[in-house]
Amino acid sequence: MGGMLNLDITYYVMIQYVRERKMIKTFGNKLTENFFYEGNISDGCQFERTKAFRLLDRIDNARNVESLNTFSVKLESTLNGQYFYRLSDIFVICFRFSDGDAFDVCIKERC
């Protein structure tokens, strides 16, 4: 039971830290925007929330696309100029990056 309390406190601290956007200019859907600001997400979304917070924070603090690619998490790209991180076998965080800013950031099912 005590573990759940610690997890809730961790989410609260992360939400407070992530709340001030820097490089993320637009969101691609309300689900992602609500998660970014409030930590709320549909129960049907099965992915590690801490990983999603960490990746959104990485996107929000990036100065360029090259700084987003690390050894621990691979940044992938699509033919239409979007980038994405895999959250699970089903879900990804997709976004466009232009002039140091991230646009249309969204958590969605992988196509």
N, C-alpha and C. Protein backbone atom coordinates (compact mmCIF):
# COMPACT_ATOMS: atom_id res chain seq x y z
N MET A 1 0.82 -1.19 0.00
CA MET A 1 0.00 0.00 0.00
C MET A 1 0.86 1.26 0.00
N GLY A 2 1.95 1.24 0.79
CA GLY A 2 2.84 2.40 0.84
C GLY A 2 3.49 2.70 -0.50
N GLY A 3 3.69 1.64 -1.34
CA GLY A 3 4.27 1.84 -2.66
C GLY A 3 3.39 2.69 -3.55
N MET A 4 2.08 2.52 -3.43
CA MET A 4 1.15 3.32 -4.24
C MET A 4 1.23 4.79 -3.88
N LEU A 5 1.39 5.09 -2.59
CA LEU A 5 1.50 6.48 -2.15
C LEU A 5 2.75 7.11 -2.75
N ASN A 6 3.87 6.39 -2.70
CA ASN A 6 5.11 6.90 -3.27
C ASN A 6 4.97 7.14 -4.77
N LEU A 7 4.28 6.24 -5.47
CA LEU A 7 4.06 6.39 -6.89
C LEU A 7 3.23 7.63 -7.19
N ASP A 8 2.16 7.86 -6.39
CA ASP A 8 1.32 9.05 -6.57
C ASP A 8 2.12 10.33 -6.34
N ILE A 9 2.96 10.34 -5.34
CA ILE A 9 3.79 11.51 -5.05
C ILE A 9 4.76 11.75 -6.21
N THR A 10 5.33 10.68 -6.75
CA THR A 10 6.24 10.81 -7.89
C THR A 10 5.52 11.41 -9.07
N TYR A 11 4.30 10.94 -9.39
CA TYR A 11 3.52 11.52 -10.48
C TYR A 11 3.28 13.00 -10.23
N TYR A 12 2.92 13.37 -9.00
CA TYR A 12 2.63 14.77 -8.68
C TYR A 12 3.86 15.63 -8.93
N VAL A 13 5.01 15.18 -8.46
CA VAL A 13 6.25 15.94 -8.64
C VAL A 13 6.58 16.06 -10.12
N MET A 14 6.42 14.97 -10.87
CA MET A 14 6.71 15.01 -12.30
C MET A 14 5.76 15.94 -13.02
N ILE A 15 4.49 15.91 -12.65
CA ILE A 15 3.50 16.78 -13.29
C ILE A 15 3.85 18.23 -13.03
N GLN A 16 4.21 18.56 -11.82
CA GLN A 16 4.56 19.94 -11.49
C GLN A 16 5.78 20.38 -12.28
N TYR A 17 6.74 19.50 -12.47
CA TYR A 17 7.95 19.83 -13.21
C TYR A 17 7.65 20.00 -14.70
N VAL A 18 6.85 19.08 -15.26
CA VAL A 18 6.58 19.07 -16.69
C VAL A 18 5.60 20.16 -17.09
N ARG A 19 4.83 20.67 -16.16
CA ARG A 19 3.72 21.57 -16.45
C ARG A 19 4.12 22.80 -17.28
N GLU A 20 5.29 23.32 -17.09
CA GLU A 20 5.71 24.51 -17.84
C GLU A 20 6.35 24.08 -19.16
N ARG A 21 5.63 24.25 -20.24
CA ARG A 21 6.14 23.86 -21.55
C ARG A 21 7.28 24.78 -21.98
N LYS A 22 8.22 24.18 -22.70
CA LYS A 22 9.32 24.96 -23.24
C LYS A 22 9.36 24.81 -24.76
N MET A 23 9.56 23.59 -25.23
CA MET A 23 9.71 23.36 -26.66
C MET A 23 8.46 22.76 -27.30
N ILE A 24 7.60 22.13 -26.50
CA ILE A 24 6.35 21.60 -27.04
C ILE A 24 5.41 22.78 -27.27
N LYS A 25 5.06 23.00 -28.52
CA LYS A 25 4.19 24.12 -28.88
C LYS A 25 2.74 23.71 -29.07
N THR A 26 2.50 22.51 -29.62
CA THR A 26 1.13 22.04 -29.81
C THR A 26 1.04 20.55 -29.51
N PHE A 27 -0.17 20.12 -29.16
CA PHE A 27 -0.44 18.70 -28.93
C PHE A 27 -1.33 18.19 -30.05
N GLY A 28 -1.18 16.92 -30.38
CA GLY A 28 -1.97 16.32 -31.44
C GLY A 28 -3.32 15.82 -30.98
N ASN A 29 -3.50 15.67 -29.65
CA ASN A 29 -4.79 15.24 -29.12
C ASN A 29 -4.92 15.65 -27.65
N LYS A 30 -6.15 15.65 -27.17
CA LYS A 30 -6.44 16.05 -25.78
C LYS A 30 -5.88 15.04 -24.79
N LEU A 31 -5.86 13.76 -25.15
CA LEU A 31 -5.34 12.73 -24.26
C LEU A 31 -3.92 13.07 -23.84
N THR A 32 -3.08 13.43 -24.80
CA THR A 32 -1.68 13.75 -24.51
C THR A 32 -1.55 15.04 -23.72
N GLU A 33 -2.33 16.04 -24.09
CA GLU A 33 -2.29 17.32 -23.38
C GLU A 33 -2.70 17.15 -21.92
N ASN A 34 -3.77 16.39 -21.67
CA ASN A 34 -4.20 16.14 -20.29
C ASN A 34 -3.16 15.35 -19.52
N PHE A 35 -2.54 14.38 -20.16
CA PHE A 35 -1.49 13.60 -19.50
C PHE A 35 -0.30 14.49 -19.17
N PHE A 36 0.08 15.34 -20.09
CA PHE A 36 1.23 16.23 -19.89
C PHE A 36 1.02 17.16 -18.70
N TYR A 37 -0.16 17.76 -18.61
CA TYR A 37 -0.42 18.74 -17.57
C TYR A 37 -0.94 18.14 -16.26
N GLU A 38 -1.74 17.08 -16.34
CA GLU A 38 -2.43 16.59 -15.15
C GLU A 38 -2.12 15.15 -14.80
N GLY A 39 -1.47 14.42 -15.69
CA GLY A 39 -1.18 13.01 -15.42
C GLY A 39 -2.35 12.10 -15.66
N ASN A 40 -3.46 12.63 -16.18
CA ASN A 40 -4.65 11.81 -16.43
C ASN A 40 -4.53 11.11 -17.77
N ILE A 41 -4.87 9.82 -17.76
CA ILE A 41 -4.84 9.04 -18.99
C ILE A 41 -5.90 7.95 -18.89
N SER A 42 -6.46 7.57 -20.00
CA SER A 42 -7.47 6.53 -20.05
C SER A 42 -6.90 5.21 -19.52
N ASP A 43 -7.73 4.47 -18.79
CA ASP A 43 -7.28 3.18 -18.27
C ASP A 43 -6.99 2.18 -19.38
N GLY A 44 -7.55 2.41 -20.56
CA GLY A 44 -7.32 1.53 -21.70
C GLY A 44 -5.94 1.66 -22.30
N CYS A 45 -5.21 2.70 -21.93
CA CYS A 45 -3.87 2.92 -22.46
C CYS A 45 -2.86 2.16 -21.62
N GLN A 46 -2.32 1.11 -22.17
CA GLN A 46 -1.39 0.25 -21.43
C GLN A 46 0.06 0.57 -21.80
N PHE A 47 0.66 1.46 -21.05
CA PHE A 47 2.08 1.74 -21.20
C PHE A 47 2.60 2.27 -19.87
N GLU A 48 3.89 2.31 -19.74
CA GLU A 48 4.53 2.76 -18.51
C GLU A 48 4.46 4.28 -18.44
N ARG A 49 3.71 4.79 -17.48
CA ARG A 49 3.49 6.24 -17.37
C ARG A 49 4.77 7.00 -17.07
N THR A 50 5.62 6.42 -16.24
CA THR A 50 6.87 7.09 -15.90
C THR A 50 7.72 7.27 -17.15
N LYS A 51 7.76 6.25 -18.00
CA LYS A 51 8.51 6.34 -19.25
C LYS A 51 7.91 7.43 -20.14
N ALA A 52 6.59 7.50 -20.21
CA ALA A 52 5.93 8.52 -21.03
C ALA A 52 6.26 9.92 -20.51
N PHE A 53 6.22 10.13 -19.20
CA PHE A 53 6.59 11.43 -18.61
C PHE A 53 8.03 11.79 -18.98
N ARG A 54 8.92 10.80 -18.85
CA ARG A 54 10.34 11.05 -19.12
C ARG A 54 10.55 11.45 -20.58
N LEU A 55 9.86 10.76 -21.50
CA LEU A 55 10.03 11.06 -22.92
C LEU A 55 9.40 12.41 -23.29
N LEU A 56 8.24 12.73 -22.73
CA LEU A 56 7.64 14.04 -22.98
C LEU A 56 8.55 15.15 -22.45
N ASP A 57 9.14 14.92 -21.29
CA ASP A 57 10.08 15.90 -20.73
C ASP A 57 11.30 16.06 -21.64
N ARG A 58 11.78 14.94 -22.17
CA ARG A 58 12.93 14.99 -23.08
C ARG A 58 12.59 15.81 -24.33
N ILE A 59 11.41 15.58 -24.89
CA ILE A 59 10.97 16.33 -26.07
C ILE A 59 10.85 17.82 -25.72
N ASP A 60 10.29 18.11 -24.56
CA ASP A 60 10.06 19.50 -24.16
C ASP A 60 11.35 20.26 -23.89
N ASN A 61 12.42 19.55 -23.58
CA ASN A 61 13.69 20.21 -23.28
C ASN A 61 14.71 20.13 -24.40
N ALA A 62 14.35 19.50 -25.50
CA ALA A 62 15.29 19.31 -26.61
C ALA A 62 15.57 20.61 -27.35
N ARG A 63 16.79 20.77 -27.77
CA ARG A 63 17.17 21.93 -28.58
C ARG A 63 17.16 21.59 -30.06
N ASN A 64 17.37 20.29 -30.36
CA ASN A 64 17.37 19.82 -31.75
C ASN A 64 17.05 18.33 -31.76
N VAL A 65 16.79 17.80 -32.92
CA VAL A 65 16.42 16.39 -33.05
C VAL A 65 17.55 15.48 -32.59
N GLU A 66 18.77 15.84 -32.89
CA GLU A 66 19.92 15.01 -32.53
C GLU A 66 20.01 14.78 -31.02
N SER A 67 19.61 15.76 -30.22
CA SER A 67 19.69 15.62 -28.77
C SER A 67 18.62 14.67 -28.23
N LEU A 68 17.65 14.29 -29.05
CA LEU A 68 16.60 13.39 -28.61
C LEU A 68 16.98 11.92 -28.73
N ASN A 69 17.99 11.60 -29.50
CA ASN A 69 18.40 10.22 -29.67
C ASN A 69 19.44 9.86 -28.62
N THR A 70 19.11 8.89 -27.78
CA THR A 70 20.03 8.47 -26.72
C THR A 70 20.24 6.97 -26.82
N PHE A 71 21.14 6.45 -26.02
CA PHE A 71 21.39 5.02 -26.02
C PHE A 71 20.24 4.24 -25.39
N SER A 72 19.54 4.84 -24.44
CA SER A 72 18.49 4.11 -23.72
C SER A 72 17.18 4.02 -24.50
N VAL A 73 16.84 5.04 -25.27
CA VAL A 73 15.58 5.05 -26.02
C VAL A 73 15.86 5.53 -27.43
N LYS A 74 15.47 4.73 -28.39
CA LYS A 74 15.74 5.07 -29.79
C LYS A 74 14.64 5.96 -30.37
N LEU A 75 15.04 7.07 -30.94
CA LEU A 75 14.12 7.95 -31.66
C LEU A 75 14.03 7.43 -33.09
N GLU A 76 12.81 7.21 -33.56
CA GLU A 76 12.60 6.71 -34.91
C GLU A 76 11.89 7.77 -35.74
N SER A 77 11.99 7.66 -37.05
CA SER A 77 11.33 8.65 -37.91
C SER A 77 10.48 7.95 -38.96
N THR A 78 9.55 8.72 -39.52
CA THR A 78 8.68 8.21 -40.58
C THR A 78 8.98 8.96 -41.87
N LEU A 79 8.42 8.49 -42.94
CA LEU A 79 8.65 9.13 -44.24
C LEU A 79 8.03 10.52 -44.34
N ASN A 80 6.97 10.78 -43.56
CA ASN A 80 6.30 12.09 -43.64
C ASN A 80 6.89 13.12 -42.69
N GLY A 81 8.08 12.87 -42.15
CA GLY A 81 8.77 13.86 -41.33
C GLY A 81 8.43 13.84 -39.86
N GLN A 82 7.63 12.87 -39.43
CA GLN A 82 7.33 12.75 -38.01
C GLN A 82 8.38 11.88 -37.32
N TYR A 83 8.53 12.10 -36.03
CA TYR A 83 9.40 11.27 -35.20
C TYR A 83 8.54 10.58 -34.17
N PHE A 84 9.04 9.46 -33.63
CA PHE A 84 8.29 8.80 -32.59
C PHE A 84 9.19 7.98 -31.68
N TYR A 85 8.72 7.84 -30.43
CA TYR A 85 9.30 6.95 -29.44
C TYR A 85 8.28 5.85 -29.18
N ARG A 86 8.73 4.63 -29.02
CA ARG A 86 7.83 3.53 -28.65
C ARG A 86 7.64 3.52 -27.14
N LEU A 87 6.37 3.52 -26.71
CA LEU A 87 6.05 3.40 -25.29
C LEU A 87 5.80 1.94 -24.92
N SER A 88 5.26 1.20 -25.86
CA SER A 88 4.95 -0.22 -25.68
C SER A 88 4.85 -0.83 -27.07
N ASP A 89 4.40 -2.08 -27.13
CA ASP A 89 4.21 -2.71 -28.43
C ASP A 89 3.09 -2.04 -29.21
N ILE A 90 2.19 -1.35 -28.51
CA ILE A 90 1.02 -0.75 -29.14
C ILE A 90 1.11 0.77 -29.23
N PHE A 91 1.61 1.44 -28.19
CA PHE A 91 1.56 2.90 -28.12
C PHE A 91 2.91 3.56 -28.43
N VAL A 92 2.81 4.75 -29.06
CA VAL A 92 3.98 5.57 -29.37
C VAL A 92 3.70 7.02 -29.01
N ILE A 93 4.77 7.81 -28.85
CA ILE A 93 4.66 9.26 -28.77
C ILE A 93 5.16 9.79 -30.10
N CYS A 94 4.29 10.44 -30.87
CA CYS A 94 4.64 10.99 -32.18
C CYS A 94 4.73 12.51 -32.10
N PHE A 95 5.56 13.10 -32.96
CA PHE A 95 5.67 14.56 -33.00
C PHE A 95 6.44 14.99 -34.24
N ARG A 96 6.31 16.25 -34.58
CA ARG A 96 7.12 16.90 -35.61
C ARG A 96 8.07 17.84 -34.89
N PHE A 97 9.26 18.02 -35.42
CA PHE A 97 10.23 18.92 -34.81
C PHE A 97 10.68 19.91 -35.87
N SER A 98 10.53 21.21 -35.57
CA SER A 98 10.89 22.24 -36.54
C SER A 98 11.44 23.46 -35.81
N ASP A 99 12.59 23.93 -36.24
CA ASP A 99 13.21 25.13 -35.67
C ASP A 99 13.31 25.09 -34.15
N GLY A 100 13.65 23.93 -33.60
CA GLY A 100 13.84 23.80 -32.16
C GLY A 100 12.57 23.63 -31.36
N ASP A 101 11.43 23.47 -32.00
CA ASP A 101 10.16 23.30 -31.30
C ASP A 101 9.48 22.01 -31.74
N ALA A 102 8.69 21.44 -30.83
CA ALA A 102 7.94 20.21 -31.12
C ALA A 102 6.47 20.57 -31.35
N PHE A 103 5.89 19.98 -32.38
CA PHE A 103 4.49 20.24 -32.74
C PHE A 103 3.72 18.93 -32.85
N ASP A 104 2.42 19.01 -32.62
CA ASP A 104 1.52 17.86 -32.77
C ASP A 104 1.98 16.66 -31.95
N VAL A 105 2.46 16.91 -30.74
CA VAL A 105 2.92 15.83 -29.87
C VAL A 105 1.71 15.03 -29.42
N CYS A 106 1.73 13.72 -29.65
CA CYS A 106 0.58 12.92 -29.23
C CYS A 106 0.98 11.49 -28.89
N ILE A 107 0.26 10.96 -27.91
CA ILE A 107 0.37 9.54 -27.56
C ILE A 107 -0.77 8.86 -28.32
N LYS A 108 -0.43 7.85 -29.11
CA LYS A 108 -1.45 7.18 -29.89
C LYS A 108 -1.04 5.74 -30.16
N GLU A 109 -2.02 4.97 -30.67
CA GLU A 109 -1.73 3.60 -31.07
C GLU A 109 -0.90 3.63 -32.33
N ARG A 110 0.04 2.73 -32.38
CA ARG A 110 0.92 2.67 -33.54
C ARG A 110 0.15 2.13 -34.73
N CYS A 111 0.35 2.73 -35.88
CA CYS A 111 -0.36 2.31 -37.10
C CYS A 111 0.31 1.12 -37.74
